[in-house]
Amino acid sequence: MAFDRRLAREIGLTPEETAIFARLAAPEQIQDFITDMASNSEPDGDTCYSVRVALHKNCCHCIEGAFIAACALMLHGAPALLMDFQAKGDDDHVLALFKRGRHWGAISKSNSIWLRWRDPVYRSPRELAMSYFHEYILGPKKSLRRVSKPFDVGAYRAEDWITSEEDCWNMAGELDRAPHITLVTAAQARRLKLRDRFETYADTIKEYEGDGKRKDFS
């Protein structure tokens, strides 16, 4: 779809921000863009950057990358949908959803190899969410338990998540309180097999160092 320059002006994007989003016309391009951004390791404490701040700092973690992706999708005529993952004893994860035809895919920023892009081959948001289940881990344990229904962040004010100069904790709270569905029963959770040592080791592989430098995997 065509880039909506009028919407970009209404949001209050700068010319530089507008130029960035005009180039991000496809989900694959959006994914490559946020993958190339340094991983926000939050050296000074927890953050929830807006789109503007993340672009300025050229770094993001999952919800910050999801904000960028949702903004790009919205500016190209698609819904700005997020999905929140809630895990037992583990960090939440947030990604942006998109559809191609009748099928769902996901754009996701993660410093590990597991919780990343999903091709649009899934018949429902729940089916897509389940594709992350085996890889969503805390040590040897599979920790994913609940996911939100598609959350339309585009229904909120731009200053709540796109153009704010402050951390967007209110928006993070809205997403956390949104309706969620349970993926596994308590009985199923008790019988989940632990991941083996090789699988657990693979989770230690990170793309970006703590100082924000990208590792060379060539």
N, C-alpha and C. Protein backbone atom coordinates (compact mmCIF):
# COMPACT_ATOMS: atom_id res chain seq x y z
N MET A 1 0.84 -1.19 0.00
CA MET A 1 0.00 0.00 0.00
C MET A 1 0.88 1.25 0.00
N ALA A 2 0.29 2.35 -0.47
CA ALA A 2 1.02 3.60 -0.55
C ALA A 2 1.29 4.17 0.84
N PHE A 3 2.39 4.87 0.95
CA PHE A 3 2.74 5.52 2.21
C PHE A 3 1.83 6.71 2.45
N ASP A 4 1.29 6.84 3.64
CA ASP A 4 0.32 7.88 3.98
C ASP A 4 1.06 9.10 4.56
N ARG A 5 1.44 10.02 3.69
CA ARG A 5 2.19 11.19 4.14
C ARG A 5 1.32 12.14 4.97
N ARG A 6 0.04 12.19 4.68
CA ARG A 6 -0.82 13.04 5.49
C ARG A 6 -0.89 12.53 6.93
N LEU A 7 -0.99 11.22 7.09
CA LEU A 7 -1.00 10.65 8.44
C LEU A 7 0.32 10.93 9.14
N ALA A 8 1.42 10.82 8.42
CA ALA A 8 2.72 11.13 9.01
C ALA A 8 2.76 12.56 9.54
N ARG A 9 2.19 13.51 8.77
CA ARG A 9 2.15 14.90 9.23
C ARG A 9 1.24 15.05 10.43
N GLU A 10 0.09 14.37 10.42
CA GLU A 10 -0.85 14.46 11.54
C GLU A 10 -0.23 13.90 12.83
N ILE A 11 0.53 12.84 12.70
CA ILE A 11 1.21 12.26 13.85
C ILE A 11 2.25 13.22 14.41
N GLY A 12 2.84 14.01 13.53
CA GLY A 12 3.88 14.95 13.94
C GLY A 12 5.28 14.41 13.71
N LEU A 13 5.44 13.50 12.74
CA LEU A 13 6.77 12.98 12.44
C LEU A 13 7.65 14.05 11.82
N THR A 14 8.92 14.01 12.14
CA THR A 14 9.88 14.92 11.51
C THR A 14 10.15 14.46 10.08
N PRO A 15 10.73 15.32 9.24
CA PRO A 15 11.10 14.87 7.89
C PRO A 15 12.01 13.65 7.89
N GLU A 16 12.94 13.60 8.85
CA GLU A 16 13.85 12.46 8.93
C GLU A 16 13.10 11.18 9.28
N GLU A 17 12.20 11.26 10.24
CA GLU A 17 11.39 10.09 10.62
C GLU A 17 10.49 9.66 9.47
N THR A 18 9.90 10.63 8.80
CA THR A 18 9.03 10.32 7.66
C THR A 18 9.80 9.59 6.57
N ALA A 19 11.02 10.03 6.29
CA ALA A 19 11.83 9.39 5.26
C ALA A 19 12.15 7.94 5.62
N ILE A 20 12.41 7.69 6.90
CA ILE A 20 12.67 6.31 7.34
C ILE A 20 11.46 5.43 7.07
N PHE A 21 10.30 5.88 7.52
CA PHE A 21 9.10 5.05 7.39
C PHE A 21 8.63 4.90 5.95
N ALA A 22 8.89 5.89 5.13
CA ALA A 22 8.50 5.78 3.72
C ALA A 22 9.21 4.62 3.04
N ARG A 23 10.42 4.29 3.52
CA ARG A 23 11.20 3.20 2.92
C ARG A 23 10.74 1.82 3.41
N LEU A 24 10.04 1.78 4.53
CA LEU A 24 9.70 0.49 5.15
C LEU A 24 8.33 0.05 4.67
N ALA A 25 8.26 -0.35 3.41
CA ALA A 25 6.97 -0.62 2.76
C ALA A 25 6.48 -2.04 2.92
N ALA A 26 7.33 -2.95 3.37
CA ALA A 26 6.93 -4.35 3.49
C ALA A 26 7.37 -4.89 4.84
N PRO A 27 6.65 -5.86 5.39
CA PRO A 27 7.04 -6.42 6.69
C PRO A 27 8.48 -6.90 6.72
N GLU A 28 8.95 -7.49 5.62
CA GLU A 28 10.33 -7.97 5.59
C GLU A 28 11.32 -6.81 5.76
N GLN A 29 11.03 -5.68 5.13
CA GLN A 29 11.90 -4.51 5.26
C GLN A 29 11.87 -3.97 6.69
N ILE A 30 10.70 -3.98 7.30
CA ILE A 30 10.58 -3.52 8.68
C ILE A 30 11.40 -4.42 9.60
N GLN A 31 11.29 -5.74 9.39
CA GLN A 31 12.04 -6.67 10.22
C GLN A 31 13.54 -6.45 10.08
N ASP A 32 14.02 -6.30 8.86
CA ASP A 32 15.46 -6.07 8.66
C ASP A 32 15.90 -4.78 9.34
N PHE A 33 15.06 -3.77 9.29
CA PHE A 33 15.40 -2.48 9.89
C PHE A 33 15.57 -2.60 11.40
N ILE A 34 14.61 -3.24 12.09
CA ILE A 34 14.73 -3.31 13.55
C ILE A 34 15.78 -4.35 13.95
N THR A 35 16.02 -5.36 13.12
CA THR A 35 17.10 -6.30 13.41
C THR A 35 18.45 -5.60 13.40
N ASP A 36 18.62 -4.66 12.45
CA ASP A 36 19.89 -3.94 12.33
C ASP A 36 20.09 -2.89 13.42
N MET A 37 19.04 -2.52 14.12
CA MET A 37 19.19 -1.60 15.24
C MET A 37 19.86 -2.32 16.40
N ALA A 38 20.73 -1.65 17.11
CA ALA A 38 21.38 -2.26 18.26
C ALA A 38 20.34 -2.70 19.28
N SER A 39 20.67 -3.75 20.02
CA SER A 39 19.78 -4.23 21.07
C SER A 39 19.90 -3.32 22.29
N ASN A 40 18.78 -2.83 22.78
CA ASN A 40 18.77 -1.96 23.95
C ASN A 40 18.94 -2.82 25.20
N SER A 41 20.13 -2.79 25.77
CA SER A 41 20.42 -3.59 26.97
C SER A 41 20.06 -2.85 28.26
N GLU A 42 19.50 -1.66 28.14
CA GLU A 42 19.02 -0.88 29.28
C GLU A 42 20.11 -0.70 30.36
N PRO A 43 21.27 -0.16 30.00
CA PRO A 43 22.36 -0.03 30.97
C PRO A 43 22.05 0.89 32.15
N ASP A 44 21.10 1.81 31.96
CA ASP A 44 20.76 2.75 33.03
C ASP A 44 19.42 2.45 33.68
N GLY A 45 18.87 1.24 33.44
CA GLY A 45 17.59 0.87 34.02
C GLY A 45 16.54 0.62 32.95
N ASP A 46 15.40 0.11 33.38
CA ASP A 46 14.34 -0.27 32.46
C ASP A 46 13.88 0.91 31.61
N THR A 47 13.60 0.64 30.35
CA THR A 47 13.09 1.66 29.43
C THR A 47 11.89 1.12 28.67
N CYS A 48 11.08 2.05 28.20
CA CYS A 48 10.02 1.73 27.24
C CYS A 48 9.96 2.90 26.27
N TYR A 49 10.96 2.94 25.37
CA TYR A 49 11.11 4.05 24.45
C TYR A 49 9.92 4.16 23.50
N SER A 50 9.57 5.38 23.19
CA SER A 50 8.65 5.63 22.09
C SER A 50 9.36 5.35 20.77
N VAL A 51 8.60 5.37 19.69
CA VAL A 51 9.19 5.23 18.36
C VAL A 51 10.26 6.30 18.15
N ARG A 52 9.93 7.53 18.49
CA ARG A 52 10.86 8.65 18.26
C ARG A 52 12.17 8.46 19.02
N VAL A 53 12.08 8.13 20.29
CA VAL A 53 13.29 7.99 21.10
C VAL A 53 14.13 6.81 20.63
N ALA A 54 13.47 5.68 20.32
CA ALA A 54 14.22 4.51 19.84
C ALA A 54 14.96 4.82 18.54
N LEU A 55 14.30 5.53 17.63
CA LEU A 55 14.96 5.91 16.38
C LEU A 55 16.14 6.84 16.64
N HIS A 56 15.95 7.79 17.55
CA HIS A 56 17.02 8.73 17.87
C HIS A 56 18.22 8.02 18.47
N LYS A 57 17.96 7.08 19.37
CA LYS A 57 19.05 6.37 20.03
C LYS A 57 19.58 5.21 19.18
N ASN A 58 18.84 4.85 18.14
CA ASN A 58 19.20 3.74 17.25
C ASN A 58 19.41 2.44 18.02
N CYS A 59 18.49 2.18 18.96
CA CYS A 59 18.51 0.90 19.66
C CYS A 59 17.10 0.62 20.18
N CYS A 60 16.81 -0.64 20.38
CA CYS A 60 15.48 -1.01 20.88
C CYS A 60 15.52 -2.41 21.44
N HIS A 61 14.58 -2.68 22.35
CA HIS A 61 14.29 -4.06 22.72
C HIS A 61 12.89 -4.39 22.21
N CYS A 62 12.28 -5.46 22.71
CA CYS A 62 11.14 -6.03 22.00
C CYS A 62 9.96 -5.07 21.85
N ILE A 63 9.48 -4.46 22.94
CA ILE A 63 8.30 -3.60 22.80
C ILE A 63 8.64 -2.35 22.01
N GLU A 64 9.84 -1.85 22.15
CA GLU A 64 10.25 -0.67 21.40
C GLU A 64 10.33 -0.98 19.91
N GLY A 65 10.87 -2.14 19.57
CA GLY A 65 10.88 -2.56 18.17
C GLY A 65 9.48 -2.81 17.65
N ALA A 66 8.61 -3.35 18.50
CA ALA A 66 7.23 -3.59 18.09
C ALA A 66 6.49 -2.27 17.83
N PHE A 67 6.78 -1.24 18.64
CA PHE A 67 6.20 0.08 18.37
C PHE A 67 6.62 0.58 17.00
N ILE A 68 7.91 0.46 16.68
CA ILE A 68 8.41 0.91 15.38
C ILE A 68 7.72 0.15 14.26
N ALA A 69 7.63 -1.17 14.41
CA ALA A 69 7.02 -1.99 13.37
C ALA A 69 5.55 -1.64 13.19
N ALA A 70 4.83 -1.48 14.30
CA ALA A 70 3.40 -1.15 14.21
C ALA A 70 3.20 0.21 13.55
N CYS A 71 4.06 1.16 13.87
CA CYS A 71 3.98 2.49 13.26
C CYS A 71 4.21 2.40 11.76
N ALA A 72 5.21 1.64 11.35
CA ALA A 72 5.49 1.48 9.92
C ALA A 72 4.32 0.82 9.20
N LEU A 73 3.76 -0.23 9.79
CA LEU A 73 2.61 -0.90 9.17
C LEU A 73 1.44 0.08 9.03
N MET A 74 1.16 0.84 10.07
CA MET A 74 0.05 1.79 10.05
C MET A 74 0.24 2.84 8.96
N LEU A 75 1.46 3.34 8.81
CA LEU A 75 1.71 4.38 7.82
C LEU A 75 1.62 3.86 6.39
N HIS A 76 1.64 2.54 6.24
CA HIS A 76 1.47 1.93 4.91
C HIS A 76 0.11 1.27 4.77
N GLY A 77 -0.83 1.65 5.64
CA GLY A 77 -2.22 1.24 5.45
C GLY A 77 -2.66 -0.04 6.11
N ALA A 78 -1.80 -0.66 6.93
CA ALA A 78 -2.16 -1.89 7.62
C ALA A 78 -2.49 -1.59 9.08
N PRO A 79 -3.22 -2.46 9.76
CA PRO A 79 -3.49 -2.25 11.18
C PRO A 79 -2.20 -2.28 12.00
N ALA A 80 -2.18 -1.49 13.07
CA ALA A 80 -1.02 -1.44 13.99
C ALA A 80 -1.31 -2.37 15.16
N LEU A 81 -1.03 -3.66 14.98
CA LEU A 81 -1.42 -4.67 15.96
C LEU A 81 -0.19 -5.21 16.70
N LEU A 82 -0.31 -5.32 18.02
CA LEU A 82 0.72 -5.91 18.86
C LEU A 82 0.19 -7.20 19.48
N MET A 83 1.13 -8.05 19.90
CA MET A 83 0.80 -9.23 20.71
C MET A 83 1.77 -9.28 21.88
N ASP A 84 1.22 -9.45 23.07
CA ASP A 84 2.01 -9.52 24.30
C ASP A 84 2.08 -10.97 24.77
N PHE A 85 3.28 -11.44 25.04
CA PHE A 85 3.48 -12.78 25.60
C PHE A 85 3.74 -12.65 27.10
N GLN A 86 3.06 -13.44 27.90
CA GLN A 86 3.29 -13.48 29.34
C GLN A 86 3.80 -14.86 29.73
N ALA A 87 4.86 -14.88 30.53
CA ALA A 87 5.56 -16.13 30.83
C ALA A 87 5.68 -16.33 32.33
N LYS A 88 5.80 -17.57 32.74
CA LYS A 88 5.93 -17.91 34.16
C LYS A 88 7.36 -17.67 34.62
N GLY A 89 7.55 -16.68 35.52
CA GLY A 89 8.87 -16.40 36.05
C GLY A 89 9.85 -15.81 35.06
N ASP A 90 9.38 -15.43 33.89
CA ASP A 90 10.26 -14.98 32.81
C ASP A 90 9.78 -13.63 32.31
N ASP A 91 10.60 -12.98 31.48
CA ASP A 91 10.23 -11.69 30.92
C ASP A 91 9.10 -11.84 29.91
N ASP A 92 8.26 -10.81 29.82
CA ASP A 92 7.29 -10.73 28.74
C ASP A 92 8.02 -10.49 27.42
N HIS A 93 7.31 -10.69 26.33
CA HIS A 93 7.84 -10.36 25.01
C HIS A 93 6.70 -9.75 24.22
N VAL A 94 7.02 -8.76 23.37
CA VAL A 94 6.01 -8.09 22.56
C VAL A 94 6.47 -8.09 21.11
N LEU A 95 5.53 -8.36 20.21
CA LEU A 95 5.84 -8.32 18.79
C LEU A 95 4.71 -7.64 18.04
N ALA A 96 4.94 -7.32 16.78
CA ALA A 96 3.93 -6.72 15.91
C ALA A 96 3.39 -7.78 14.97
N LEU A 97 2.08 -7.77 14.77
CA LEU A 97 1.41 -8.73 13.91
C LEU A 97 1.08 -8.11 12.56
N PHE A 98 1.07 -8.93 11.52
CA PHE A 98 0.60 -8.49 10.22
C PHE A 98 -0.06 -9.67 9.51
N LYS A 99 -0.86 -9.37 8.51
CA LYS A 99 -1.51 -10.40 7.72
C LYS A 99 -1.12 -10.26 6.25
N ARG A 100 -0.96 -11.40 5.60
CA ARG A 100 -0.80 -11.43 4.14
C ARG A 100 -1.85 -12.39 3.63
N GLY A 101 -2.84 -11.83 2.97
CA GLY A 101 -4.00 -12.65 2.64
C GLY A 101 -4.74 -13.02 3.91
N ARG A 102 -4.97 -14.31 4.10
CA ARG A 102 -5.69 -14.77 5.29
C ARG A 102 -4.76 -15.22 6.40
N HIS A 103 -3.46 -15.10 6.20
CA HIS A 103 -2.51 -15.70 7.13
C HIS A 103 -1.72 -14.63 7.90
N TRP A 104 -1.35 -15.02 9.12
CA TRP A 104 -0.69 -14.11 10.06
C TRP A 104 0.82 -14.35 10.11
N GLY A 105 1.55 -13.25 10.27
CA GLY A 105 2.98 -13.31 10.50
C GLY A 105 3.35 -12.33 11.62
N ALA A 106 4.63 -12.29 11.97
CA ALA A 106 5.05 -11.44 13.08
C ALA A 106 6.41 -10.81 12.79
N ILE A 107 6.55 -9.57 13.25
CA ILE A 107 7.81 -8.83 13.22
C ILE A 107 8.26 -8.70 14.67
N SER A 108 9.51 -9.07 14.94
CA SER A 108 9.91 -9.18 16.35
C SER A 108 11.38 -8.85 16.53
N LYS A 109 11.67 -8.05 17.54
CA LYS A 109 13.05 -7.74 17.92
C LYS A 109 13.45 -8.60 19.10
N SER A 110 14.52 -9.36 18.94
CA SER A 110 15.03 -10.17 20.04
C SER A 110 16.53 -10.33 19.87
N ASN A 111 17.25 -10.34 20.99
CA ASN A 111 18.69 -10.53 20.95
C ASN A 111 19.07 -12.00 20.92
N SER A 112 18.11 -12.88 21.08
CA SER A 112 18.38 -14.32 20.98
C SER A 112 17.86 -14.84 19.64
N ILE A 113 18.08 -16.10 19.39
CA ILE A 113 17.73 -16.65 18.08
C ILE A 113 16.28 -17.13 18.00
N TRP A 114 15.57 -17.14 19.13
CA TRP A 114 14.29 -17.85 19.16
C TRP A 114 13.09 -16.98 18.82
N LEU A 115 12.99 -15.81 19.41
CA LEU A 115 11.72 -15.06 19.41
C LEU A 115 11.70 -14.00 18.33
N ARG A 116 11.95 -14.41 17.10
CA ARG A 116 12.10 -13.45 16.02
C ARG A 116 10.97 -13.52 15.00
N TRP A 117 11.25 -13.12 13.82
CA TRP A 117 10.31 -13.08 12.68
C TRP A 117 9.56 -14.40 12.53
N ARG A 118 8.30 -14.29 12.13
CA ARG A 118 7.52 -15.44 11.68
C ARG A 118 6.90 -15.11 10.33
N ASP A 119 7.09 -16.01 9.38
CA ASP A 119 6.50 -15.83 8.06
C ASP A 119 4.98 -15.90 8.15
N PRO A 120 4.27 -15.21 7.25
CA PRO A 120 2.80 -15.20 7.31
C PRO A 120 2.21 -16.49 6.74
N VAL A 121 2.29 -17.55 7.53
CA VAL A 121 1.77 -18.86 7.13
C VAL A 121 0.81 -19.42 8.18
N TYR A 122 0.50 -18.64 9.20
CA TYR A 122 -0.30 -19.13 10.32
C TYR A 122 -1.76 -18.71 10.16
N ARG A 123 -2.68 -19.63 10.44
CA ARG A 123 -4.09 -19.41 10.17
C ARG A 123 -4.79 -18.54 11.22
N SER A 124 -4.17 -18.36 12.37
CA SER A 124 -4.78 -17.57 13.43
C SER A 124 -3.68 -16.99 14.31
N PRO A 125 -3.98 -15.94 15.07
CA PRO A 125 -2.98 -15.43 16.02
C PRO A 125 -2.54 -16.48 17.03
N ARG A 126 -3.47 -17.32 17.49
CA ARG A 126 -3.08 -18.35 18.46
C ARG A 126 -2.11 -19.34 17.84
N GLU A 127 -2.39 -19.74 16.59
CA GLU A 127 -1.48 -20.68 15.93
C GLU A 127 -0.10 -20.07 15.79
N LEU A 128 -0.03 -18.78 15.45
CA LEU A 128 1.26 -18.10 15.38
C LEU A 128 1.94 -18.09 16.74
N ALA A 129 1.19 -17.76 17.78
CA ALA A 129 1.77 -17.71 19.12
C ALA A 129 2.35 -19.06 19.52
N MET A 130 1.68 -20.14 19.17
CA MET A 130 2.16 -21.47 19.54
C MET A 130 3.47 -21.82 18.84
N SER A 131 3.78 -21.13 17.74
CA SER A 131 5.06 -21.40 17.07
C SER A 131 6.24 -20.96 17.92
N TYR A 132 5.98 -20.12 18.94
CA TYR A 132 7.03 -19.66 19.85
C TYR A 132 7.11 -20.52 21.12
N PHE A 133 6.18 -21.42 21.32
CA PHE A 133 6.06 -22.06 22.63
C PHE A 133 7.31 -22.86 23.03
N HIS A 134 7.80 -23.70 22.15
CA HIS A 134 8.93 -24.56 22.49
C HIS A 134 10.20 -23.77 22.74
N GLU A 135 10.32 -22.62 22.07
CA GLU A 135 11.54 -21.82 22.16
C GLU A 135 11.48 -20.74 23.23
N TYR A 136 10.35 -20.52 23.83
CA TYR A 136 10.22 -19.50 24.87
C TYR A 136 10.63 -20.16 26.19
N ILE A 137 11.87 -19.90 26.62
CA ILE A 137 12.42 -20.71 27.71
C ILE A 137 13.06 -19.85 28.80
N LEU A 138 13.12 -20.43 29.97
CA LEU A 138 13.87 -19.89 31.10
C LEU A 138 14.77 -21.01 31.59
N GLY A 139 16.05 -20.95 31.20
CA GLY A 139 16.92 -22.10 31.45
C GLY A 139 16.40 -23.30 30.67
N PRO A 140 16.17 -24.43 31.32
CA PRO A 140 15.66 -25.60 30.62
C PRO A 140 14.14 -25.65 30.55
N LYS A 141 13.45 -24.68 31.17
CA LYS A 141 12.00 -24.74 31.28
C LYS A 141 11.31 -23.92 30.19
N LYS A 142 10.22 -24.46 29.67
CA LYS A 142 9.37 -23.73 28.73
C LYS A 142 8.43 -22.86 29.55
N SER A 143 8.50 -21.54 29.33
CA SER A 143 7.86 -20.62 30.27
C SER A 143 6.63 -19.88 29.73
N LEU A 144 6.38 -19.91 28.44
CA LEU A 144 5.27 -19.16 27.88
C LEU A 144 3.93 -19.74 28.35
N ARG A 145 3.04 -18.87 28.81
CA ARG A 145 1.75 -19.33 29.33
C ARG A 145 0.55 -18.62 28.69
N ARG A 146 0.64 -17.31 28.46
CA ARG A 146 -0.51 -16.56 27.99
C ARG A 146 -0.07 -15.56 26.92
N VAL A 147 -0.99 -15.25 26.00
CA VAL A 147 -0.74 -14.23 24.98
C VAL A 147 -1.97 -13.34 24.86
N SER A 148 -1.73 -12.09 24.51
CA SER A 148 -2.85 -11.19 24.31
C SER A 148 -3.52 -11.46 22.98
N LYS A 149 -4.78 -11.10 22.91
CA LYS A 149 -5.43 -11.01 21.62
C LYS A 149 -4.79 -9.85 20.86
N PRO A 150 -4.91 -9.83 19.53
CA PRO A 150 -4.31 -8.71 18.79
C PRO A 150 -4.75 -7.37 19.38
N PHE A 151 -3.77 -6.55 19.69
CA PHE A 151 -3.98 -5.29 20.41
C PHE A 151 -3.73 -4.14 19.46
N ASP A 152 -4.75 -3.34 19.20
CA ASP A 152 -4.65 -2.25 18.23
C ASP A 152 -4.04 -1.01 18.88
N VAL A 153 -2.72 -0.92 18.83
CA VAL A 153 -2.04 0.24 19.41
C VAL A 153 -2.32 1.50 18.58
N GLY A 154 -2.71 1.32 17.32
CA GLY A 154 -3.04 2.46 16.47
C GLY A 154 -4.28 3.21 16.91
N ALA A 155 -5.08 2.60 17.80
CA ALA A 155 -6.27 3.28 18.32
C ALA A 155 -5.92 4.30 19.40
N TYR A 156 -4.68 4.32 19.84
CA TYR A 156 -4.25 5.24 20.89
C TYR A 156 -3.57 6.47 20.27
N ARG A 157 -3.43 7.50 21.05
CA ARG A 157 -2.82 8.74 20.58
C ARG A 157 -1.36 8.51 20.20
N ALA A 158 -0.92 9.20 19.17
CA ALA A 158 0.47 9.07 18.75
C ALA A 158 1.43 9.46 19.86
N GLU A 159 1.05 10.45 20.67
CA GLU A 159 1.94 10.88 21.74
C GLU A 159 2.06 9.85 22.85
N ASP A 160 1.21 8.83 22.84
CA ASP A 160 1.31 7.77 23.84
C ASP A 160 2.37 6.73 23.51
N TRP A 161 2.78 6.64 22.21
CA TRP A 161 3.73 5.58 21.86
C TRP A 161 4.64 5.91 20.68
N ILE A 162 4.32 6.95 19.92
CA ILE A 162 5.14 7.28 18.75
C ILE A 162 6.04 8.48 19.01
N THR A 163 5.48 9.59 19.43
CA THR A 163 6.24 10.85 19.48
C THR A 163 6.63 11.29 20.88
N SER A 164 6.28 10.54 21.90
CA SER A 164 6.62 10.93 23.27
C SER A 164 8.14 11.00 23.46
N GLU A 165 8.57 11.97 24.26
CA GLU A 165 9.98 12.06 24.64
C GLU A 165 10.24 11.31 25.94
N GLU A 166 9.17 10.80 26.57
CA GLU A 166 9.28 10.07 27.83
C GLU A 166 9.02 8.58 27.59
N ASP A 167 9.39 7.76 28.57
CA ASP A 167 9.11 6.33 28.48
C ASP A 167 7.60 6.09 28.44
N CYS A 168 7.20 5.12 27.67
CA CYS A 168 5.78 4.87 27.40
C CYS A 168 5.21 3.77 28.30
N TRP A 169 5.39 3.93 29.61
CA TRP A 169 4.94 2.90 30.54
C TRP A 169 3.42 2.77 30.57
N ASN A 170 2.71 3.86 30.34
CA ASN A 170 1.25 3.77 30.32
C ASN A 170 0.76 2.86 29.20
N MET A 171 1.41 2.97 28.03
CA MET A 171 1.03 2.10 26.92
C MET A 171 1.40 0.65 27.22
N ALA A 172 2.56 0.43 27.82
CA ALA A 172 2.94 -0.92 28.21
C ALA A 172 1.92 -1.51 29.18
N GLY A 173 1.41 -0.66 30.10
CA GLY A 173 0.40 -1.12 31.03
C GLY A 173 -0.91 -1.46 30.35
N GLU A 174 -1.31 -0.66 29.36
CA GLU A 174 -2.53 -0.96 28.60
C GLU A 174 -2.42 -2.32 27.93
N LEU A 175 -1.28 -2.58 27.35
CA LEU A 175 -1.07 -3.86 26.68
C LEU A 175 -1.07 -5.01 27.68
N ASP A 176 -0.45 -4.81 28.81
CA ASP A 176 -0.40 -5.87 29.83
C ASP A 176 -1.79 -6.19 30.37
N ARG A 177 -2.66 -5.19 30.45
CA ARG A 177 -4.01 -5.38 30.99
C ARG A 177 -5.02 -5.82 29.93
N ALA A 178 -4.62 -5.82 28.67
CA ALA A 178 -5.54 -6.21 27.59
C ALA A 178 -5.94 -7.69 27.74
N PRO A 179 -7.06 -8.10 27.14
CA PRO A 179 -7.46 -9.51 27.23
C PRO A 179 -6.37 -10.45 26.71
N HIS A 180 -6.09 -11.48 27.48
CA HIS A 180 -5.12 -12.51 27.13
C HIS A 180 -5.81 -13.88 27.12
N ILE A 181 -5.24 -14.80 26.37
CA ILE A 181 -5.73 -16.18 26.38
C ILE A 181 -4.64 -17.10 26.92
N THR A 182 -5.06 -18.17 27.58
CA THR A 182 -4.12 -19.15 28.13
C THR A 182 -3.80 -20.20 27.06
N LEU A 183 -2.51 -20.50 26.91
CA LEU A 183 -2.07 -21.43 25.86
C LEU A 183 -2.02 -22.88 26.33
N VAL A 184 -1.74 -23.11 27.61
CA VAL A 184 -1.64 -24.48 28.12
C VAL A 184 -2.38 -24.55 29.45
N THR A 185 -2.95 -25.70 29.72
CA THR A 185 -3.62 -25.90 31.01
C THR A 185 -2.58 -26.14 32.10
N ALA A 186 -3.01 -26.06 33.34
CA ALA A 186 -2.11 -26.32 34.47
C ALA A 186 -1.59 -27.75 34.40
N ALA A 187 -2.45 -28.69 34.02
CA ALA A 187 -2.02 -30.09 33.92
C ALA A 187 -0.98 -30.26 32.83
N GLN A 188 -1.18 -29.60 31.69
CA GLN A 188 -0.19 -29.68 30.61
C GLN A 188 1.13 -29.05 31.04
N ALA A 189 1.05 -27.93 31.74
CA ALA A 189 2.27 -27.24 32.18
C ALA A 189 3.10 -28.11 33.11
N ARG A 190 2.43 -28.89 33.96
CA ARG A 190 3.17 -29.75 34.89
C ARG A 190 3.92 -30.86 34.17
N ARG A 191 3.50 -31.23 32.99
CA ARG A 191 4.11 -32.36 32.27
C ARG A 191 5.05 -31.92 31.14
N LEU A 192 5.33 -30.63 31.05
CA LEU A 192 6.22 -30.18 29.98
C LEU A 192 7.63 -30.74 30.18
N LYS A 193 8.19 -31.27 29.10
CA LYS A 193 9.54 -31.83 29.16
C LYS A 193 10.57 -30.71 29.23
N LEU A 194 11.57 -30.88 30.08
CA LEU A 194 12.66 -29.93 30.13
C LEU A 194 13.48 -29.99 28.85
N ARG A 195 14.02 -28.85 28.45
CA ARG A 195 14.90 -28.84 27.28
C ARG A 195 16.25 -29.45 27.67
N ASP A 196 16.91 -30.08 26.70
CA ASP A 196 18.17 -30.74 27.01
C ASP A 196 19.32 -29.72 27.05
N ARG A 197 20.52 -30.19 27.39
CA ARG A 197 21.64 -29.27 27.59
C ARG A 197 22.03 -28.53 26.32
N PHE A 198 21.93 -29.20 25.18
CA PHE A 198 22.28 -28.56 23.92
C PHE A 198 21.29 -27.44 23.59
N GLU A 199 20.01 -27.70 23.78
CA GLU A 199 19.00 -26.68 23.54
C GLU A 199 19.18 -25.49 24.50
N THR A 200 19.47 -25.80 25.75
CA THR A 200 19.67 -24.74 26.73
C THR A 200 20.90 -23.91 26.39
N TYR A 201 21.96 -24.56 25.94
CA TYR A 201 23.17 -23.83 25.54
C TYR A 201 22.88 -22.88 24.37
N ALA A 202 22.06 -23.32 23.43
CA ALA A 202 21.77 -22.49 22.26
C ALA A 202 21.15 -21.16 22.66
N ASP A 203 20.49 -21.13 23.80
CA ASP A 203 19.85 -19.89 24.23
C ASP A 203 20.88 -18.86 24.71
N THR A 204 22.11 -19.27 24.92
CA THR A 204 23.15 -18.32 25.35
C THR A 204 23.74 -17.54 24.18
N ILE A 205 23.39 -17.91 22.95
CA ILE A 205 23.91 -17.23 21.78
C ILE A 205 23.13 -15.92 21.59
N LYS A 206 23.82 -14.81 21.61
CA LYS A 206 23.20 -13.50 21.46
C LYS A 206 23.80 -12.79 20.26
N GLU A 207 22.99 -11.95 19.62
CA GLU A 207 23.46 -11.22 18.43
C GLU A 207 24.27 -9.99 18.81
N TYR A 208 23.84 -9.31 19.88
CA TYR A 208 24.50 -8.07 20.30
C TYR A 208 25.12 -8.24 21.67
N GLU A 209 26.32 -7.69 21.83
CA GLU A 209 26.98 -7.68 23.13
C GLU A 209 26.29 -6.67 24.05
N GLY A 210 26.64 -6.70 25.33
CA GLY A 210 26.07 -5.77 26.29
C GLY A 210 26.37 -4.32 25.98
N ASP A 211 27.48 -4.06 25.26
CA ASP A 211 27.83 -2.69 24.89
C ASP A 211 27.16 -2.23 23.60
N GLY A 212 26.27 -3.07 23.06
CA GLY A 212 25.54 -2.70 21.86
C GLY A 212 26.22 -3.09 20.57
N LYS A 213 27.43 -3.64 20.64
CA LYS A 213 28.13 -4.03 19.42
C LYS A 213 27.62 -5.36 18.90
N ARG A 214 27.45 -5.44 17.60
CA ARG A 214 26.94 -6.65 16.95
C ARG A 214 28.07 -7.65 16.78
N LYS A 215 27.81 -8.88 17.10
CA LYS A 215 28.82 -9.93 16.92
C LYS A 215 28.98 -10.25 15.44
N ASP A 216 30.15 -10.72 15.08
CA ASP A 216 30.45 -11.10 13.71
C ASP A 216 30.25 -12.60 13.58
N PHE A 217 29.22 -13.00 12.83
CA PHE A 217 28.94 -14.42 12.65
C PHE A 217 29.32 -14.91 11.25
N SER A 218 30.10 -14.09 10.54
CA SER A 218 30.49 -14.47 9.19
C SER A 218 31.50 -15.63 9.21
